[in-house]
Structures are given as structure tokens and as C-alpha cells.
């Protein structure tokens, strides 16, 4: 097995790394950083990152609530999925997992844990963890070789079944397709010279601009709409399946307000 470390700097050539891996035939574990993406998100969202210095003179970011949220967004979200995307575009089977998926997030606080090591923290439960993996015949997983942090238990299985039953009983995939068509039609009516193209698949929408998207993301946030980039010029919208038409109208009007003709 090959273990590959990819740094978290801004100038990492991810496409080049993925190209090199096409010549490798064995399993690969990629360990990646994402500090540059964390810092970019902090700047975009207007979050100040506090720096602390160790007794040996090393600087690091203080892990308060905001910093931990940014870490999860950057490591488990943006960077992790970009690595998976680059590999899958080259027909390399890839699954993106992070250490955050298998560990409890511990924050400075009142609840004490790990007293043997003098560590204290407050434990936050983010959700009921439940995992499932589907794979094709190309991937062989011998019996007993795969362990899981998110193995089934009665409570999590009940929550997972309730979620799936709601998705099916409310016909959310069909409604998402209808809402996607609606918001797509509304967005195409925006007469802005800043828009190059609008791409859509269901409720996943990408608005490709003729300029950098970053300033517009901040303006949208100020208007009460959270969005993320998909590359340097694409404004990405990933609304929840349960969003209603009035909320979609609010999103479209907010975009209209920041993208004048």
C-alpha cells in the first residue's frame, strides 16, 4: 500500500498528483492538509483566526468554535472532495473520509475527559452517526477486513430509516427536480452581463461568472444567503431538498441584487 501526503498549501499541484497516481496499480491512502482553504474561508466569511504561540515558539491557530467549524468545512468538505473529484475524473476509484468522521470534536470547556493526559474539553454531538457504503464489483472487500466507526445500532438505524422513509413518502427527489427546473428558469431571466453561463442538475446550480466569484459570495452572505464557490468564477448553490419556492425566490432576488446588468 502506498501512503501519500499532500500538503495544505495554496500551490499544491493536485492535478499533477492525480496524473501520477494513474500509473499506480495498488491501493493508495492519501493524507491531505487544507490550512490554505481554512484561511481562505475565514477571510471570505469574515472570521478572525486567533494565533497562539507555544513555549517553543511555534505558532498555531487557536481552536475555538469558529476555527473548528472552518476546519470541518475545509478539511472534510472543500479539500477532501476536490481530491476525490480529481481521482474519479481519471477513473481511479476513490472515497473521501477524514479523521473528523471518526472522532468526537473536543473543544475547550467544562466537561473533563482524558484526565490521564491532563486534557479537558466539552464534548459536542453533531448528529446521529450512521454510515453505509455501496461499491461496484471492481472493488473487493474481503469479509472481516472492513471495520466501521459508524456501525449500526438501534437508535441510529431508527433515525436512518425515518430519514429514508421521509424522503420517499414526501417524494423529495421528484420535488427537487421540479424546484430545480423552477429556479433554473428564474435564474435564466437574470439579465446580467456578469453571467457567462448557468449550469444545473436537479437542485445543484452553478452560475459561471465572467469575473472572480469571491466578492459576490460575501455580498450574498450579507443578504442572508450562504453559497460556496466551485472554482474561481462559479457561484455554487446547493439548497436543501426541503427548500420551498418562496425561499428560492428570495435566493434569486438576492442574486439579482448583487449582479446588476
Protein backbone atom coordinates (compact mmCIF):
# COMPACT_ATOMS: atom_id res chain seq x y z
CA UNK A 1 0.00 0.00 0.00
CA UNK A 2 1.19 3.49 -0.90
CA UNK A 3 0.66 6.26 1.67
CA UNK A 4 0.84 9.71 0.09
CA UNK A 5 0.96 13.02 1.99
CA UNK A 6 -0.35 16.11 0.20
CA UNK A 7 0.30 19.41 1.96
CA UNK A 8 -2.28 22.05 2.69
CA UNK A 9 -0.60 24.99 0.92
CA UNK A 10 -2.10 27.07 -1.86
CA UNK A 11 0.31 25.98 -4.58
CA UNK A 12 -0.10 22.19 -4.35
CA UNK A 13 -0.48 20.73 -7.86
CA UNK A 14 -3.37 18.38 -7.16
CA UNK A 15 -3.98 17.64 -10.83
CA UNK A 16 -0.35 16.61 -11.23
CA UNK A 17 -0.58 14.32 -8.21
CA UNK A 18 -3.69 12.68 -9.63
CA UNK A 19 -1.98 12.23 -13.01
CA UNK A 20 0.95 10.47 -11.33
CA UNK A 21 -1.39 8.11 -9.48
CA UNK A 22 -2.88 6.79 -12.74
CA UNK A 23 0.31 4.76 -13.17
CA UNK A 24 -0.02 3.16 -9.73
CA UNK A 25 -1.96 -0.12 -9.60
CA UNK A 26 -2.10 -0.80 -5.87
CA UNK A 27 -4.19 0.74 -3.09
CA UNK A 28 -3.35 4.27 -2.00
CA UNK A 29 -4.12 6.19 1.17
CA UNK A 30 -3.89 9.96 0.70
CA UNK A 31 -3.38 12.16 3.73
CA UNK A 32 -4.01 15.79 2.86
CA UNK A 33 -3.86 19.18 4.50
CA UNK A 34 -6.19 22.13 3.99
CA UNK A 35 -4.89 25.07 6.01
CA UNK A 36 -4.90 27.37 3.00
CA UNK A 37 -8.57 26.56 2.38
CA UNK A 38 -9.31 27.15 6.07
CA UNK A 39 -7.67 30.58 5.90
CA UNK A 40 -9.48 31.45 2.66
CA UNK A 41 -12.83 30.50 4.16
CA UNK A 42 -12.07 32.57 7.25
CA UNK A 43 -11.31 35.60 5.11
CA UNK A 44 -14.38 35.07 2.94
CA UNK A 45 -16.70 34.68 5.92
CA UNK A 46 -15.11 37.50 7.90
CA UNK A 47 -13.93 35.24 10.75
CA UNK A 48 -10.85 36.28 12.70
CA UNK A 49 -8.49 33.38 13.48
CA UNK A 50 -6.61 33.85 16.72
CA UNK A 51 -3.00 32.67 16.75
CA UNK A 52 -1.30 31.26 19.83
CA UNK A 53 2.42 30.65 20.33
CA UNK A 54 3.80 27.59 22.11
CA UNK A 55 6.60 27.74 24.68
CA UNK A 56 8.96 26.61 21.92
CA UNK A 57 7.93 29.44 19.64
CA UNK A 58 5.61 27.61 17.24
CA UNK A 59 2.52 29.49 16.06
CA UNK A 60 -0.81 27.73 15.56
CA UNK A 61 -4.47 28.69 15.22
CA UNK A 62 -6.49 28.64 18.45
CA UNK A 63 -9.23 26.01 18.15
CA UNK A 64 -12.31 27.93 19.22
CA UNK A 65 -15.80 27.17 17.89
CA UNK A 66 -15.36 29.23 14.71
CA UNK A 67 -11.97 27.73 13.91
CA UNK A 68 -13.28 24.19 14.36
CA UNK A 69 -16.20 24.91 12.04
CA UNK A 70 -13.76 26.21 9.43
CA UNK A 71 -11.57 23.13 9.84
CA UNK A 72 -14.50 20.85 9.14
CA UNK A 73 -15.57 22.88 6.12
CA UNK A 74 -12.05 22.97 4.67
CA UNK A 75 -10.72 19.51 5.51
CA UNK A 76 -13.84 17.34 5.39
CA UNK A 77 -15.54 19.45 2.73
CA UNK A 78 -13.75 21.51 0.12
CA UNK A 79 -10.29 19.92 0.02
CA UNK A 80 -11.36 16.35 0.64
CA UNK A 81 -13.94 16.38 -2.12
CA UNK A 82 -11.58 18.08 -4.57
CA UNK A 83 -9.09 15.23 -4.06
CA UNK A 84 -11.82 12.63 -4.67
CA UNK A 85 -13.05 14.53 -7.73
CA UNK A 86 -9.58 14.70 -9.28
CA UNK A 87 -9.08 10.96 -8.85
CA UNK A 88 -12.52 9.93 -10.09
CA UNK A 89 -12.12 12.04 -13.24
CA UNK A 90 -9.16 9.78 -14.03
CA UNK A 91 -11.22 6.63 -13.40
CA UNK A 92 -9.45 5.96 -10.09
CA UNK A 93 -11.97 4.61 -7.53
CA UNK A 94 -11.81 6.97 -4.55
CA UNK A 95 -13.69 7.53 -1.30
CA UNK A 96 -13.14 10.65 0.80
CA UNK A 97 -13.00 10.16 4.55
CA UNK A 98 -11.47 12.32 7.24
CA UNK A 99 -10.34 11.96 10.79
CA UNK A 100 -13.26 14.21 11.70
CA UNK A 101 -15.62 11.45 10.55
CA UNK A 102 -14.34 9.10 13.21
CA UNK A 103 -13.56 11.32 16.16
CA UNK A 104 -15.53 13.42 18.58
CA UNK A 105 -14.79 17.10 18.29
CA UNK A 106 -13.43 18.24 21.65
CA UNK A 107 -13.48 21.94 22.47
CA UNK A 108 -12.09 23.84 25.45
CA UNK A 109 -14.81 23.89 28.07
CA UNK A 110 -16.21 22.50 31.29
CA UNK A 111 -16.54 18.76 30.63
CA UNK A 112 -13.37 16.86 31.57
CA UNK A 113 -12.09 13.95 29.51
CA UNK A 114 -8.74 12.27 29.08
CA UNK A 115 -7.64 13.28 32.56
CA UNK A 116 -4.72 10.85 32.36
CA UNK A 117 -3.17 13.27 29.85
CA UNK A 118 -4.38 16.45 31.53
CA UNK A 119 -6.83 17.24 28.75
CA UNK A 120 -10.15 18.96 29.38
CA UNK A 121 -12.89 19.72 26.91
CA UNK A 122 -16.57 19.99 26.12
CA UNK A 123 -18.00 17.19 24.01
CA UNK A 124 -20.43 18.17 21.27
CA UNK A 125 -22.57 15.61 19.45
CA UNK A 126 -23.19 16.85 15.91
CA UNK A 127 -25.60 14.16 14.69
CA UNK A 128 -26.57 10.51 14.99
CA UNK A 129 -23.74 8.81 13.09
CA UNK A 130 -24.76 6.22 10.53
CA UNK A 131 -22.71 5.09 7.58
CA UNK A 132 -23.27 2.86 4.58
CA UNK A 133 -21.04 2.12 1.61
CA UNK A 134 -22.09 0.99 -1.86
CA UNK A 135 -19.45 -0.14 -4.33
CA UNK A 136 -19.22 -1.93 -7.64
CA UNK A 137 -17.70 -5.33 -8.32
CA UNK A 138 -14.44 -3.55 -9.20
CA UNK A 139 -13.78 -3.11 -5.50
CA UNK A 140 -13.24 -6.26 -3.49
CA UNK A 141 -13.73 -6.08 0.28
CA UNK A 142 -12.94 -9.45 1.91
CA UNK A 143 -15.13 -10.46 4.82
CA UNK A 144 -13.75 -9.22 8.11
CA UNK A 145 -11.38 -6.69 6.55
CA UNK A 146 -13.62 -3.64 6.87
CA UNK A 147 -14.37 -2.06 10.21
CA UNK A 148 -16.64 0.91 10.78
CA UNK A 149 -16.86 3.72 13.29
CA UNK A 150 -20.44 4.38 12.23
CA UNK A 151 -21.69 0.80 12.58
CA UNK A 152 -25.40 0.29 13.03
CA UNK A 153 -27.11 0.47 16.41
CA UNK A 154 -30.84 0.58 17.19
CA UNK A 155 -31.05 4.35 17.68
CA UNK A 156 -29.06 5.30 14.57
CA UNK A 157 -30.81 2.68 12.43
CA UNK A 158 -34.19 4.04 13.54
CA UNK A 159 -33.10 7.59 12.66
CA UNK A 160 -31.75 6.45 9.27
CA UNK A 161 -34.96 4.57 8.44
CA UNK A 162 -37.08 7.56 9.47
CA UNK A 163 -35.00 9.80 7.20
CA UNK A 164 -35.26 7.45 4.22
CA UNK A 165 -38.99 6.96 4.78
CA UNK A 166 -39.49 10.74 4.83
CA UNK A 167 -37.50 11.18 1.61
CA UNK A 168 -39.61 8.52 -0.11
CA UNK A 169 -43.01 9.41 1.35
CA UNK A 170 -42.55 13.11 0.52
CA UNK A 171 -41.13 12.25 -2.91
CA UNK A 172 -38.22 14.65 -2.32
CA UNK A 173 -36.19 13.59 -5.40
CA UNK A 174 -39.10 14.44 -7.72
CA UNK A 175 -39.80 17.69 -5.88
CA UNK A 176 -36.11 18.57 -6.07
CA UNK A 177 -36.20 18.10 -9.84
CA UNK A 178 -39.25 20.37 -10.12
CA UNK A 179 -37.75 23.03 -7.85
CA UNK A 180 -34.51 22.79 -9.81
CA UNK A 181 -36.33 23.50 -13.06
CA UNK A 182 -38.13 26.41 -11.42
CA UNK A 183 -35.02 28.07 -10.01
CA UNK A 184 -33.19 27.42 -13.28
CA UNK A 185 -35.91 29.25 -15.22
CA UNK A 186 -35.83 32.16 -12.77
CA UNK A 187 -32.06 32.45 -12.94
CA UNK A 188 -32.01 32.44 -16.75
CA UNK A 189 -34.20 35.56 -16.63
CA UNK A 190 -31.46 37.49 -14.86
CA UNK A 191 -30.12 39.96 -17.39
CA UNK A 192 -26.60 40.46 -16.14
CA UNK A 193 -23.53 40.87 -18.30
CA UNK A 194 -21.53 39.32 -15.45
CA UNK A 195 -23.08 35.88 -16.05
CA UNK A 196 -21.33 33.67 -18.59
CA UNK A 197 -23.40 30.52 -18.14
CA UNK A 198 -25.87 28.84 -15.78
CA UNK A 199 -25.46 25.09 -15.30
CA UNK A 200 -27.86 22.90 -13.34
CA UNK A 201 -28.51 19.31 -12.37
CA UNK A 202 -31.61 18.99 -10.23
CA UNK A 203 -31.20 21.42 -7.33
CA UNK A 204 -27.44 21.71 -7.86
CA UNK A 205 -26.83 25.03 -9.59
CA UNK A 206 -23.64 26.65 -10.84
CA UNK A 207 -23.60 30.27 -12.02
CA UNK A 208 -20.42 30.82 -14.03
CA UNK A 209 -19.38 34.47 -13.86
CA UNK A 210 -17.07 36.45 -16.11
CA UNK A 211 -15.07 37.52 -13.08
CA UNK A 212 -13.95 36.22 -9.71
CA UNK A 213 -16.81 34.93 -7.58
CA UNK A 214 -15.34 35.70 -4.16
CA UNK A 215 -16.67 39.30 -3.75
CA UNK A 216 -20.18 38.16 -4.67
CA UNK A 217 -20.15 35.37 -2.09
CA UNK A 218 -19.59 37.97 0.62
CA UNK A 219 -22.38 40.16 -0.77
CA UNK A 220 -24.74 37.17 -0.78
CA UNK A 221 -23.83 36.40 2.81
CA UNK A 222 -24.65 39.98 3.75
CA UNK A 223 -28.02 39.46 2.05
CA UNK A 224 -28.69 36.32 4.11
CA UNK A 225 -27.78 33.70 1.50
CA UNK A 226 -24.88 31.29 2.05
CA UNK A 227 -23.16 29.92 -1.05
CA UNK A 228 -19.78 28.44 -1.92
CA UNK A 229 -17.51 28.63 -4.95
CA UNK A 230 -16.90 25.85 -7.45
CA UNK A 231 -13.63 27.09 -8.87
CA UNK A 232 -12.58 30.73 -9.15
CA UNK A 233 -15.60 32.01 -11.10
CA UNK A 234 -18.55 29.71 -10.33
CA UNK A 235 -21.15 30.57 -7.71
CA UNK A 236 -22.49 27.25 -6.43
CA UNK A 237 -25.96 26.76 -4.95
CA UNK A 238 -26.75 23.54 -3.09
CA UNK A 239 -30.06 24.21 -1.32
CA UNK A 240 -31.68 21.54 0.88
CA UNK A 241 -34.24 19.27 -0.72
CA UNK A 242 -36.90 20.70 1.60
CA UNK A 243 -36.46 24.32 0.49
CA UNK A 244 -39.73 25.95 -0.60
CA UNK A 245 -40.49 28.16 -3.59
CA UNK A 246 -40.63 31.37 -1.57
CA UNK A 247 -37.11 30.71 -0.26
CA UNK A 248 -35.88 30.00 -3.78
CA UNK A 249 -37.41 33.31 -4.87
CA UNK A 250 -35.51 35.02 -2.05
CA UNK A 251 -32.24 33.46 -3.29
CA UNK A 252 -32.90 34.57 -6.87
CA UNK A 253 -33.77 38.12 -5.80
CA UNK A 254 -30.62 38.30 -3.68
CA UNK A 255 -28.53 37.21 -6.66
CA UNK A 256 -30.32 39.75 -8.82
CA UNK A 257 -29.40 42.41 -6.31
CA UNK A 258 -25.66 41.67 -6.35
CA UNK A 259 -25.38 41.07 -10.12
CA UNK A 260 -26.64 44.21 -11.80
CA UNK A 261 -26.97 44.34 -15.58
